[in-house]
Amino acid sequence: MPLHFNLFLYLCPKIKKHIMNLLGWIVQAVDIINDYLWSYVVIVLLVGCALYFTVRSKGVQFRLIKDMIKVIVNRPIYNKVGDDAEKSADTNDGRLEKIGSFQAFAISLSSRVGTGNLAGVASAIFYGGPGAVFWMWAMALLGAATAFVEATLAQLYKRRGKDSFYGGPAYYMQHGLHKKWMGVLFAILITITFGMANQVIQSNTLCDALADASGIEQEWIGIVLTAATLVIIFGGITRISHFASIVVPFMAIGYILLSIVVLIMNITEIPDMMALIVKNAFGVDQAVGGMLGTAITQGVKRGLFSNEAGEGSAPNAAAIASTSHPVKQGLLQSLGVFSDTIVICSCTAFVILLSGIYDSGRDGIILTKYALVTHVGQAGGLFITAAIFLFAYSTIIANYFYGETNIRFITQGKTAINAFRIITGATVMLGSMVTLKTAWSFVDLAMGMMTLVNLVAIIQLSPKVFALLDNYMQQRRQHRDPVFKRTMMPEIEKDIECWEE
């Protein structure tokens, strides 16, 4: 055997060892930063903004639920429109592929409804105890107001593209705050968070579940998943929107129905389970979970990863919708937070807590899977495998869309977009080979930084949202289907590209 080949075999294990050691040190440093970032900065700002937006909007996420339902089923708030607006101010001009409110809602929901609902909730319970579930609920109820604010801003400042509308935090930072540098910073952060870090988690969870069910090595599953992802993302936003609008309702309804069956089977245990959640949330019974601070931190972190309220991701999807008033899409995004956390995350939490194995030492998707197996047998394991495939795959597609939208903010070059598509495929493949714990560390750091930048922006722009809400409510009181035109806000009319007469 040639000498250089023997030398190569000798050096490979040593090189791999050094790389793994370096990665270990990096992860430790990232974990230290995450502890400070989430314990003292992000949580305080998230809760503060959610409370402020809830009070300032007079609880918009609660008092306009009826309007949310009407918008999602494409019914007018009132049949009458204004005398000067016989049609929507945001109609399709013939050049754009019209994407309805529901399709835009489905894209954002397909990102929200992912492994965070299955593996993320399980990890929150594993590290923070049952009390983490309570804090997930609390942040969802309040955070829905934050989701309303950021989605409404995305609609207000959206731009007109060749095939569809587009927009998001980077655009309202540039055109609303007139801070291009801030928009570029956010675009970079969201591209790293969703286009890379989050994709690793989605891919890792999906491949782990399929490998456990089939016995096939994760790397081979990763190859197939990568190919399937590239087929969709090279098809463009129209294909993404149609895909999401079909898959998301199907996977969510199926999972909810199975969870209802589990609740019925364990109906006598529900009061004890609820008591366990509340006691653990306030440190009354910490024998079954972590410290109080850990329960709060895990609830907020995993809740944010799941519902994305305030993170700045969902507004990218909210901006593409054709609607008559920005507030309508803001209401839909609030509904998305409720759908994700209050409904779907609760399903996972109930399945795990009622199984009695939540403190067995299992984590992530494996805990969720075996909890379901405990209730309904091996069929539950097969169902959760299929569910994680649909949940994770649709999230991978939606995450890619968020990254592409923000790359287009930085550059319009096709080369950059195509390069990002290839990177997405490579990242999905990488997810089949790394550990979940390492992926969570980097996601928490990127997600925290991205959320901070977005919250700072929407706090400054929130007066525009409240003015829009007043405009919406005024038309509503006149029993009109609200319609917005940019001339209604002359002070910022020059900053708004859409919403013409």
Protein backbone atom coordinates (compact mmCIF):
# COMPACT_ATOMS: atom_id res chain seq x y z
CA MET A 1 0.00 0.00 0.00
CA PRO A 2 1.44 3.42 -0.94
CA LEU A 3 3.07 5.34 1.89
CA HIS A 4 0.98 8.49 1.31
CA PHE A 5 -2.25 6.47 1.61
CA ASN A 6 -1.15 4.96 4.94
CA LEU A 7 -0.30 8.45 6.13
CA PHE A 8 -3.76 9.65 5.09
CA LEU A 9 -5.47 6.86 7.08
CA TYR A 10 -3.28 7.70 10.07
CA LEU A 11 -4.06 11.40 10.00
CA CYS A 12 -7.84 11.22 9.34
CA PRO A 13 -8.88 10.12 12.86
CA LYS A 14 -6.61 12.75 14.40
CA ILE A 15 -8.00 15.51 12.19
CA LYS A 16 -11.56 14.42 12.96
CA LYS A 17 -10.77 14.45 16.68
CA HIS A 18 -9.41 18.00 16.52
CA ILE A 19 -12.44 19.18 14.53
CA MET A 20 -14.83 17.65 17.05
CA ASN A 21 -12.92 19.21 19.94
CA LEU A 22 -13.04 22.61 18.25
CA LEU A 23 -16.76 22.22 17.61
CA GLY A 24 -17.26 21.30 21.28
CA TRP A 25 -15.51 24.48 22.44
CA ILE A 26 -17.57 26.58 20.05
CA VAL A 27 -20.81 25.02 21.27
CA GLN A 28 -19.82 25.70 24.90
CA ALA A 29 -19.16 29.35 24.08
CA VAL A 30 -22.45 29.63 22.22
CA ASP A 31 -24.32 28.09 25.17
CA ILE A 32 -22.81 30.68 27.54
CA ILE A 33 -23.91 33.51 25.24
CA ASN A 34 -27.37 31.96 24.92
CA ASP A 35 -27.82 31.76 28.69
CA TYR A 36 -27.19 35.50 29.07
CA LEU A 37 -29.04 36.52 25.90
CA TRP A 38 -32.21 34.64 26.74
CA SER A 39 -32.22 35.06 30.52
CA TYR A 40 -31.66 38.81 30.62
CA VAL A 41 -32.43 40.33 27.22
CA VAL A 42 -34.71 38.48 24.81
CA ILE A 43 -37.31 37.26 27.30
CA VAL A 44 -37.62 40.68 28.94
CA LEU A 45 -38.06 42.42 25.58
CA LEU A 46 -40.45 39.77 24.23
CA VAL A 47 -42.72 39.92 27.26
CA GLY A 48 -42.53 43.72 27.46
CA CYS A 49 -43.47 44.18 23.80
CA ALA A 50 -46.26 41.60 23.97
CA LEU A 51 -47.80 43.32 26.99
CA TYR A 52 -47.49 46.78 25.45
CA PHE A 53 -48.98 45.76 22.10
CA THR A 54 -51.84 43.93 23.83
CA VAL A 55 -52.74 46.93 26.00
CA ARG A 56 -52.21 49.53 23.26
CA SER A 57 -54.36 47.60 20.75
CA LYS A 58 -57.00 46.91 23.42
CA GLY A 59 -56.50 43.19 23.06
CA VAL A 60 -56.87 43.03 19.29
CA GLN A 61 -56.00 39.32 19.31
CA PHE A 62 -59.07 38.60 21.46
CA ARG A 63 -61.72 41.12 20.43
CA LEU A 64 -61.45 40.60 16.65
CA ILE A 65 -61.46 36.80 16.49
CA LYS A 66 -64.70 36.89 14.47
CA ASP A 67 -62.97 39.06 11.86
CA MET A 68 -60.06 36.59 11.70
CA ILE A 69 -62.44 33.78 10.77
CA LYS A 70 -64.12 35.88 8.08
CA VAL A 71 -60.79 36.78 6.51
CA ILE A 72 -59.52 33.20 6.42
CA VAL A 73 -62.68 31.95 4.67
CA ASN A 74 -62.47 34.91 2.26
CA ARG A 75 -65.68 36.57 3.41
CA PRO A 76 -65.96 40.40 3.64
CA ILE A 77 -66.16 41.88 7.13
CA TYR A 78 -69.28 43.65 5.86
CA ASN A 79 -70.84 43.41 2.40
CA LYS A 80 -70.86 47.18 2.00
CA VAL A 81 -67.70 48.97 0.86
CA GLY A 82 -66.91 52.64 0.89
CA ASP A 83 -68.49 54.91 -1.70
CA ASP A 84 -65.05 55.75 -3.03
CA ALA A 85 -63.79 52.17 -3.06
CA GLU A 86 -65.82 49.73 -5.08
CA LYS A 87 -63.00 47.26 -5.11
CA SER A 88 -59.94 46.44 -3.09
CA ALA A 89 -57.14 48.99 -3.07
CA ASP A 90 -54.74 46.09 -3.39
CA THR A 91 -56.11 44.28 -6.43
CA ASN A 92 -54.12 42.22 -8.87
CA ASP A 93 -52.97 44.47 -11.69
CA GLY A 94 -52.63 41.64 -14.20
CA ARG A 95 -48.87 41.28 -13.81
CA LEU A 96 -48.81 39.53 -10.47
CA GLU A 97 -49.60 35.99 -9.49
CA LYS A 98 -52.42 36.64 -7.02
CA ILE A 99 -51.79 34.89 -3.73
CA GLY A 100 -54.74 35.01 -1.38
CA SER A 101 -54.76 35.64 2.34
CA PHE A 102 -55.26 31.95 3.07
CA GLN A 103 -52.27 30.87 0.97
CA ALA A 104 -50.05 33.45 2.65
CA PHE A 105 -51.43 32.27 6.00
CA ALA A 106 -50.64 28.66 5.02
CA ILE A 107 -47.04 29.50 4.14
CA SER A 108 -46.46 31.17 7.53
CA LEU A 109 -48.31 28.35 9.30
CA SER A 110 -46.22 25.74 7.49
CA SER A 111 -43.14 27.35 9.04
CA ARG A 112 -44.79 27.63 12.46
CA VAL A 113 -46.18 24.09 12.35
CA GLY A 114 -43.05 22.01 12.24
CA THR A 115 -40.72 20.09 14.49
CA GLY A 116 -41.19 22.80 17.11
CA ASN A 117 -44.68 21.39 17.67
CA LEU A 118 -43.40 17.83 18.11
CA ALA A 119 -39.73 17.79 19.07
CA GLY A 120 -39.58 21.36 20.42
CA VAL A 121 -42.45 20.92 22.89
CA ALA A 122 -40.93 17.62 24.03
CA SER A 123 -37.56 19.31 24.62
CA ALA A 124 -39.23 22.12 26.57
CA ILE A 125 -40.85 19.55 28.89
CA PHE A 126 -37.61 17.54 29.10
CA TYR A 127 -35.54 20.52 30.25
CA GLY A 128 -38.12 22.77 31.91
CA GLY A 129 -40.70 20.32 33.25
CA PRO A 130 -44.48 20.42 32.67
CA GLY A 131 -44.53 24.08 33.76
CA ALA A 132 -42.86 25.07 30.50
CA VAL A 133 -46.18 24.34 28.77
CA PHE A 134 -47.91 27.06 30.79
CA TRP A 135 -45.34 29.66 29.76
CA MET A 136 -45.70 28.61 26.13
CA TRP A 137 -49.43 29.34 26.44
CA ALA A 138 -48.85 32.68 28.14
CA MET A 139 -46.43 33.86 25.47
CA ALA A 140 -48.79 32.74 22.69
CA LEU A 141 -51.78 34.64 24.11
CA LEU A 142 -49.78 37.83 24.53
CA GLY A 143 -47.45 37.28 21.57
CA ALA A 144 -50.39 37.14 19.16
CA ALA A 145 -50.52 40.95 19.49
CA THR A 146 -46.86 41.13 18.48
CA ALA A 147 -47.59 38.92 15.48
CA PHE A 148 -50.42 41.28 14.52
CA VAL A 149 -48.12 44.31 14.61
CA GLU A 150 -45.29 42.83 12.54
CA ALA A 151 -47.59 41.28 9.91
CA THR A 152 -49.56 44.51 9.48
CA LEU A 153 -46.30 46.41 8.96
CA ALA A 154 -45.20 43.85 6.37
CA GLN A 155 -48.41 44.46 4.41
CA LEU A 156 -48.13 48.25 4.69
CA TYR A 157 -44.57 48.41 3.37
CA LYS A 158 -44.65 45.49 0.92
CA ARG A 159 -43.24 45.92 -2.58
CA ARG A 160 -44.45 44.81 -5.99
CA GLY A 161 -42.31 42.14 -7.66
CA LYS A 162 -42.40 40.60 -11.11
CA ASP A 163 -44.61 37.66 -10.12
CA SER A 164 -45.96 38.53 -6.68
CA PHE A 165 -45.83 40.97 -3.78
CA TYR A 166 -42.94 40.60 -1.37
CA GLY A 167 -41.78 42.18 1.87
CA GLY A 168 -41.00 41.60 5.52
CA PRO A 169 -38.99 43.15 8.35
CA ALA A 170 -36.02 44.08 6.17
CA TYR A 171 -38.36 46.13 3.98
CA TYR A 172 -40.19 47.94 6.78
CA MET A 173 -36.84 48.70 8.36
CA GLN A 174 -35.63 50.32 5.15
CA HIS A 175 -38.80 52.07 4.02
CA GLY A 176 -40.44 52.64 7.41
CA LEU A 177 -37.43 53.48 9.58
CA HIS A 178 -35.21 54.55 6.65
CA LYS A 179 -32.41 52.36 7.99
CA LYS A 180 -31.09 50.24 5.15
CA TRP A 181 -28.24 48.94 7.29
CA MET A 182 -30.73 47.56 9.79
CA GLY A 183 -32.63 45.82 7.01
CA VAL A 184 -29.43 44.26 5.68
CA LEU A 185 -28.48 43.08 9.18
CA PHE A 186 -31.90 41.47 9.66
CA ALA A 187 -31.77 39.91 6.19
CA ILE A 188 -28.45 38.29 7.03
CA LEU A 189 -29.69 37.05 10.41
CA ILE A 190 -32.93 35.54 9.09
CA THR A 191 -31.11 33.89 6.21
CA ILE A 192 -28.69 32.27 8.64
CA THR A 193 -31.45 31.34 11.08
CA PHE A 194 -34.01 29.92 8.66
CA GLY A 195 -31.97 29.18 5.57
CA MET A 196 -29.32 27.27 7.52
CA ALA A 197 -29.67 26.69 11.27
CA ASN A 198 -33.38 25.85 11.37
CA GLN A 199 -33.05 23.62 8.33
CA VAL A 200 -30.58 21.47 10.25
CA ILE A 201 -33.12 20.91 13.04
CA GLN A 202 -35.96 20.11 10.66
CA SER A 203 -33.84 17.72 8.62
CA ASN A 204 -32.28 16.10 11.69
CA THR A 205 -35.66 15.44 13.31
CA LEU A 206 -37.21 14.14 10.10
CA CYS A 207 -34.29 11.83 9.29
CA ASP A 208 -34.11 10.62 12.89
CA ALA A 209 -37.80 9.70 12.89
CA LEU A 210 -37.67 7.94 9.53
CA ALA A 211 -34.45 6.10 10.40
CA ASP A 212 -35.96 4.88 13.69
CA ALA A 213 -39.05 3.60 11.85
CA SER A 214 -37.38 2.07 8.80
CA GLY A 215 -33.91 1.07 9.89
CA ILE A 216 -32.42 2.97 6.94
CA GLU A 217 -29.34 5.07 7.69
CA GLN A 218 -30.01 8.76 8.15
CA GLU A 219 -27.56 9.76 5.43
CA TRP A 220 -29.55 7.91 2.75
CA ILE A 221 -32.77 9.50 3.94
CA GLY A 222 -30.98 12.85 3.82
CA ILE A 223 -30.11 12.36 0.17
CA VAL A 224 -33.75 11.72 -0.78
CA LEU A 225 -34.96 14.64 1.36
CA THR A 226 -32.42 16.98 -0.22
CA ALA A 227 -33.54 16.03 -3.74
CA ALA A 228 -37.22 16.50 -2.85
CA THR A 229 -36.46 19.92 -1.35
CA LEU A 230 -34.58 21.14 -4.41
CA VAL A 231 -37.46 20.15 -6.71
CA ILE A 232 -39.86 22.42 -4.79
CA ILE A 233 -37.61 25.41 -4.16
CA PHE A 234 -36.49 25.68 -7.78
CA GLY A 235 -40.20 25.94 -8.67
CA GLY A 236 -40.66 29.40 -7.12
CA ILE A 237 -43.09 31.04 -4.67
CA THR A 238 -46.25 30.02 -6.55
CA ARG A 239 -45.41 26.34 -6.23
CA ILE A 240 -44.47 26.89 -2.58
CA SER A 241 -47.79 28.61 -1.80
CA HIS A 242 -49.87 25.90 -3.49
CA PHE A 243 -47.88 23.15 -1.78
CA ALA A 244 -48.30 24.75 1.65
CA SER A 245 -52.02 25.43 1.25
CA ILE A 246 -52.62 21.72 0.53
CA VAL A 247 -50.25 20.05 3.00
CA VAL A 248 -50.57 22.23 6.12
CA PRO A 249 -54.32 21.83 6.78
CA PHE A 250 -54.11 18.10 6.13
CA MET A 251 -51.24 17.43 8.52
CA ALA A 252 -52.55 19.74 11.25
CA ILE A 253 -56.12 18.37 11.26
CA GLY A 254 -54.92 14.75 11.31
CA TYR A 255 -52.64 15.40 14.27
CA ILE A 256 -55.33 17.29 16.18
CA LEU A 257 -57.86 14.49 15.66
CA LEU A 258 -55.46 11.86 16.97
CA SER A 259 -54.69 14.02 20.00
CA ILE A 260 -58.42 14.39 20.70
CA VAL A 261 -58.69 10.58 20.69
CA VAL A 262 -55.88 10.44 23.27
CA LEU A 263 -57.64 13.04 25.42
CA ILE A 264 -60.90 11.08 25.31
CA MET A 265 -59.06 7.89 26.27
CA ASN A 266 -57.56 9.67 29.29
CA ILE A 267 -60.37 12.07 30.14
CA THR A 268 -60.33 11.29 33.85
CA GLU A 269 -56.64 12.23 34.05
CA ILE A 270 -57.00 15.67 32.49
CA PRO A 271 -57.68 17.61 35.75
CA ASP A 272 -54.55 16.17 37.37
CA MET A 273 -52.52 16.99 34.27
CA MET A 274 -53.67 20.62 34.27
CA ALA A 275 -52.88 20.92 37.96
CA LEU A 276 -49.40 19.51 37.31
CA ILE A 277 -48.76 22.12 34.59
CA VAL A 278 -49.87 25.06 36.76
CA LYS A 279 -48.07 23.91 39.91
CA ASN A 280 -44.85 23.29 38.02
CA ALA A 281 -45.12 26.62 36.19
CA PHE A 282 -44.95 28.57 39.46
CA GLY A 283 -42.50 26.35 41.28
CA VAL A 284 -45.10 24.79 43.60
CA ASP A 285 -44.08 21.27 42.61
CA GLN A 286 -40.56 21.22 41.23
CA ALA A 287 -39.84 17.60 42.03
CA VAL A 288 -40.99 16.65 38.52
CA GLY A 289 -39.14 19.31 36.53
CA GLY A 290 -36.46 21.95 36.42
CA MET A 291 -36.15 25.18 38.32
CA LEU A 292 -38.78 27.90 37.86
CA GLY A 293 -36.46 29.98 35.71
CA THR A 294 -35.74 27.00 33.47
CA ALA A 295 -39.46 26.35 32.99
CA ILE A 296 -40.03 29.97 31.94
CA THR A 297 -36.97 30.10 29.68
CA GLN A 298 -37.75 26.82 27.95
CA GLY A 299 -41.41 27.75 27.53
CA VAL A 300 -40.57 31.09 25.93
CA LYS A 301 -37.69 29.79 23.77
CA ARG A 302 -39.48 26.76 22.39
CA GLY A 303 -42.73 28.70 22.13
CA LEU A 304 -40.97 31.33 20.03
CA PHE A 305 -39.34 28.65 17.88
CA SER A 306 -42.78 27.19 17.25
CA ASN A 307 -45.09 30.20 16.79
CA GLU A 308 -42.45 32.79 15.75
CA ALA A 309 -44.40 35.74 17.22
CA GLY A 310 -41.99 38.68 17.25
CA GLU A 311 -39.20 36.80 15.57
CA GLY A 312 -39.74 38.49 12.23
CA SER A 313 -40.14 35.41 10.06
CA ALA A 314 -43.91 35.19 9.46
CA PRO A 315 -44.14 38.79 8.13
CA ASN A 316 -42.23 37.62 5.05
CA ALA A 317 -45.19 35.39 4.20
CA ALA A 318 -47.78 37.93 5.34
CA ALA A 319 -46.45 40.48 2.84
CA ILE A 320 -47.23 38.40 -0.25
CA ALA A 321 -51.02 38.31 0.23
CA SER A 322 -53.47 40.32 -1.86
CA THR A 323 -55.92 41.85 0.60
CA SER A 324 -57.98 45.01 0.93
CA HIS A 325 -56.51 46.27 4.21
CA PRO A 326 -53.16 45.57 5.98
CA VAL A 327 -54.96 44.90 9.26
CA LYS A 328 -56.70 41.86 7.77
CA GLN A 329 -53.42 40.02 7.25
CA GLY A 330 -52.27 41.10 10.70
CA LEU A 331 -55.36 39.43 12.16
CA LEU A 332 -54.63 36.24 10.25
CA GLN A 333 -51.11 36.06 11.65
CA SER A 334 -52.52 36.42 15.17
CA LEU A 335 -54.78 33.49 14.41
CA GLY A 336 -51.72 31.56 13.24
CA VAL A 337 -50.11 31.95 16.68
CA PHE A 338 -53.24 30.60 18.35
CA SER A 339 -53.44 27.73 15.87
CA ASP A 340 -49.84 26.79 16.42
CA THR A 341 -49.29 27.04 20.17
CA ILE A 342 -52.70 26.96 21.84
CA VAL A 343 -53.92 24.11 19.62
CA ILE A 344 -51.12 22.06 18.05
CA CYS A 345 -48.38 22.50 20.68
CA SER A 346 -50.95 21.73 23.37
CA CYS A 347 -51.78 18.50 21.56
CA THR A 348 -48.17 17.36 21.84
CA ALA A 349 -47.90 18.47 25.47
CA PHE A 350 -51.08 16.61 26.47
CA VAL A 351 -50.01 13.43 24.67
CA ILE A 352 -46.64 13.48 26.46
CA LEU A 353 -47.89 14.39 29.94
CA LEU A 354 -50.79 11.92 29.87
CA SER A 355 -48.44 9.12 28.83
CA GLY A 356 -46.63 9.15 32.17
CA ILE A 357 -43.20 8.90 30.50
CA TYR A 358 -42.40 12.62 30.26
CA ASP A 359 -39.66 12.18 32.89
CA SER A 360 -38.22 8.98 31.41
CA GLY A 361 -35.06 10.65 30.15
CA ARG A 362 -36.15 10.68 26.50
CA ASP A 363 -35.90 13.95 24.57
CA GLY A 364 -37.18 15.46 21.34
CA ILE A 365 -39.11 13.53 18.74
CA ILE A 366 -38.29 10.20 20.39
CA LEU A 367 -40.17 11.28 23.54
CA THR A 368 -43.18 12.36 21.48
CA LYS A 369 -43.15 9.15 19.47
CA TYR A 370 -43.03 6.79 22.45
CA ALA A 371 -45.61 8.83 24.32
CA LEU A 372 -48.00 8.28 21.42
CA VAL A 373 -47.06 4.59 21.27
CA THR A 374 -47.98 4.35 24.96
CA HIS A 375 -51.49 5.56 24.15
CA VAL A 376 -52.39 3.89 20.85
CA GLY A 377 -49.72 1.26 20.26
CA GLN A 378 -47.36 0.90 17.30
CA ALA A 379 -49.86 2.62 15.01
CA GLY A 380 -49.08 5.78 16.95
CA GLY A 381 -45.42 5.42 16.11
CA LEU A 382 -46.20 5.06 12.41
CA PHE A 383 -48.50 8.08 12.51
CA ILE A 384 -45.94 10.29 14.24
CA THR A 385 -43.35 9.26 11.65
CA ALA A 386 -45.70 10.34 8.85
CA ALA A 387 -46.62 13.53 10.74
CA ILE A 388 -43.00 14.53 11.33
CA PHE A 389 -42.32 14.02 7.64
CA LEU A 390 -45.14 16.39 6.64
CA PHE A 391 -44.43 18.87 9.45
CA ALA A 392 -40.67 19.05 8.89
CA TYR A 393 -40.75 18.94 5.09
CA SER A 394 -43.29 21.77 4.79
CA THR A 395 -41.23 23.79 7.28
CA ILE A 396 -38.07 23.28 5.25
CA ILE A 397 -39.88 24.69 2.21
CA ALA A 398 -41.27 27.70 4.11
CA ASN A 399 -37.89 28.38 5.74
CA TYR A 400 -36.29 28.49 2.32
CA PHE A 401 -38.85 31.07 1.19
CA TYR A 402 -37.96 33.33 4.14
CA GLY A 403 -34.28 33.12 3.21
CA GLU A 404 -34.89 33.83 -0.48
CA THR A 405 -37.07 36.85 0.30
CA ASN A 406 -34.31 38.42 2.36
CA ILE A 407 -31.54 37.59 -0.08
CA ARG A 408 -33.60 39.48 -2.68
CA PHE A 409 -33.53 42.44 -0.28
CA ILE A 410 -29.73 42.44 -0.36
CA THR A 411 -29.27 41.61 -4.03
CA GLN A 412 -31.51 40.94 -7.03
CA GLY A 413 -28.92 38.75 -8.77
CA LYS A 414 -30.11 35.32 -9.87
CA THR A 415 -26.69 33.90 -9.08
CA ALA A 416 -27.12 34.62 -5.36
CA ILE A 417 -30.61 33.04 -5.33
CA ASN A 418 -29.44 29.91 -7.13
CA ALA A 419 -26.43 29.67 -4.83
CA PHE A 420 -28.72 29.90 -1.81
CA ARG A 421 -30.87 27.11 -3.24
CA ILE A 422 -27.82 24.89 -3.47
CA ILE A 423 -26.75 25.87 0.06
CA THR A 424 -30.24 24.98 1.29
CA GLY A 425 -29.88 21.52 -0.21
CA ALA A 426 -26.46 21.10 1.39
CA THR A 427 -27.77 22.27 4.77
CA VAL A 428 -30.67 19.82 4.61
CA MET A 429 -28.16 17.07 3.90
CA LEU A 430 -25.97 18.24 6.80
CA GLY A 431 -28.95 17.95 9.13
CA SER A 432 -29.05 14.22 8.57
CA MET A 433 -25.54 13.86 9.98
CA VAL A 434 -25.20 16.17 13.04
CA THR A 435 -26.64 15.98 16.55
CA LEU A 436 -29.85 17.77 17.51
CA LYS A 437 -28.33 19.33 20.64
CA THR A 438 -25.64 21.12 18.62
CA ALA A 439 -28.24 22.40 16.16
CA TRP A 440 -30.43 23.78 18.97
CA SER A 441 -27.49 25.78 20.35
CA PHE A 442 -26.85 27.62 17.11
CA VAL A 443 -30.56 28.11 16.40
CA ASP A 444 -31.13 29.71 19.81
CA LEU A 445 -28.29 32.18 19.22
CA ALA A 446 -29.38 33.13 15.69
CA MET A 447 -33.06 33.27 16.68
CA GLY A 448 -32.31 35.48 19.68
CA MET A 449 -30.30 38.01 17.69
CA MET A 450 -32.87 38.08 14.90
CA THR A 451 -35.73 38.63 17.36
CA LEU A 452 -33.94 41.52 19.06
CA VAL A 453 -33.43 43.40 15.79
CA ASN A 454 -37.06 42.87 14.75
CA LEU A 455 -38.52 43.93 18.10
CA VAL A 456 -36.49 47.14 18.15
CA ALA A 457 -37.91 47.97 14.71
CA ILE A 458 -41.58 47.20 15.37
CA ILE A 459 -41.58 49.14 18.64
CA GLN A 460 -40.61 52.26 16.69
CA LEU A 461 -43.09 51.58 13.87
CA SER A 462 -46.01 50.46 16.03
CA PRO A 463 -47.77 53.90 15.94
CA LYS A 464 -48.35 53.28 12.21
CA VAL A 465 -50.04 49.97 13.05
CA PHE A 466 -52.32 51.54 15.65
CA ALA A 467 -53.27 54.24 13.15
CA LEU A 468 -54.14 51.51 10.63
CA LEU A 469 -56.16 49.70 13.27
CA ASP A 470 -58.10 52.89 14.04
CA ASN A 471 -58.78 53.29 10.31
CA TYR A 472 -59.95 49.69 10.09
CA MET A 473 -62.24 50.00 13.11
CA GLN A 474 -63.71 53.29 11.85
CA GLN A 475 -64.75 51.66 8.56
CA ARG A 476 -65.98 48.64 10.45
CA ARG A 477 -68.22 50.80 12.66
CA GLN A 478 -69.69 52.21 9.45
CA HIS A 479 -70.55 48.61 8.47
CA ARG A 480 -68.11 48.68 5.57
CA ASP A 481 -65.66 46.06 4.43
CA PRO A 482 -62.44 47.96 5.32
CA VAL A 483 -60.35 49.15 2.38
CA PHE A 484 -57.01 50.94 2.70
CA LYS A 485 -55.41 53.46 0.33
CA ARG A 486 -52.03 55.01 0.91
CA THR A 487 -53.56 58.49 0.65
CA MET A 488 -55.19 57.74 4.00
CA MET A 489 -51.73 58.10 5.60
CA PRO A 490 -50.28 61.15 3.76
CA GLU A 491 -47.42 61.50 6.25
CA ILE A 492 -45.84 58.26 4.97
CA GLU A 493 -47.45 58.02 1.52
CA LYS A 494 -44.10 58.41 -0.25
CA ASP A 495 -42.71 55.39 1.64
CA ILE A 496 -45.53 53.08 0.48
CA GLU A 497 -45.26 51.44 -2.94
CA CYS A 498 -48.60 49.59 -3.10
CA TRP A 499 -52.14 50.54 -2.02
CA GLU A 500 -52.82 52.94 -4.91
CA GLU A 501 -56.15 54.57 -5.74
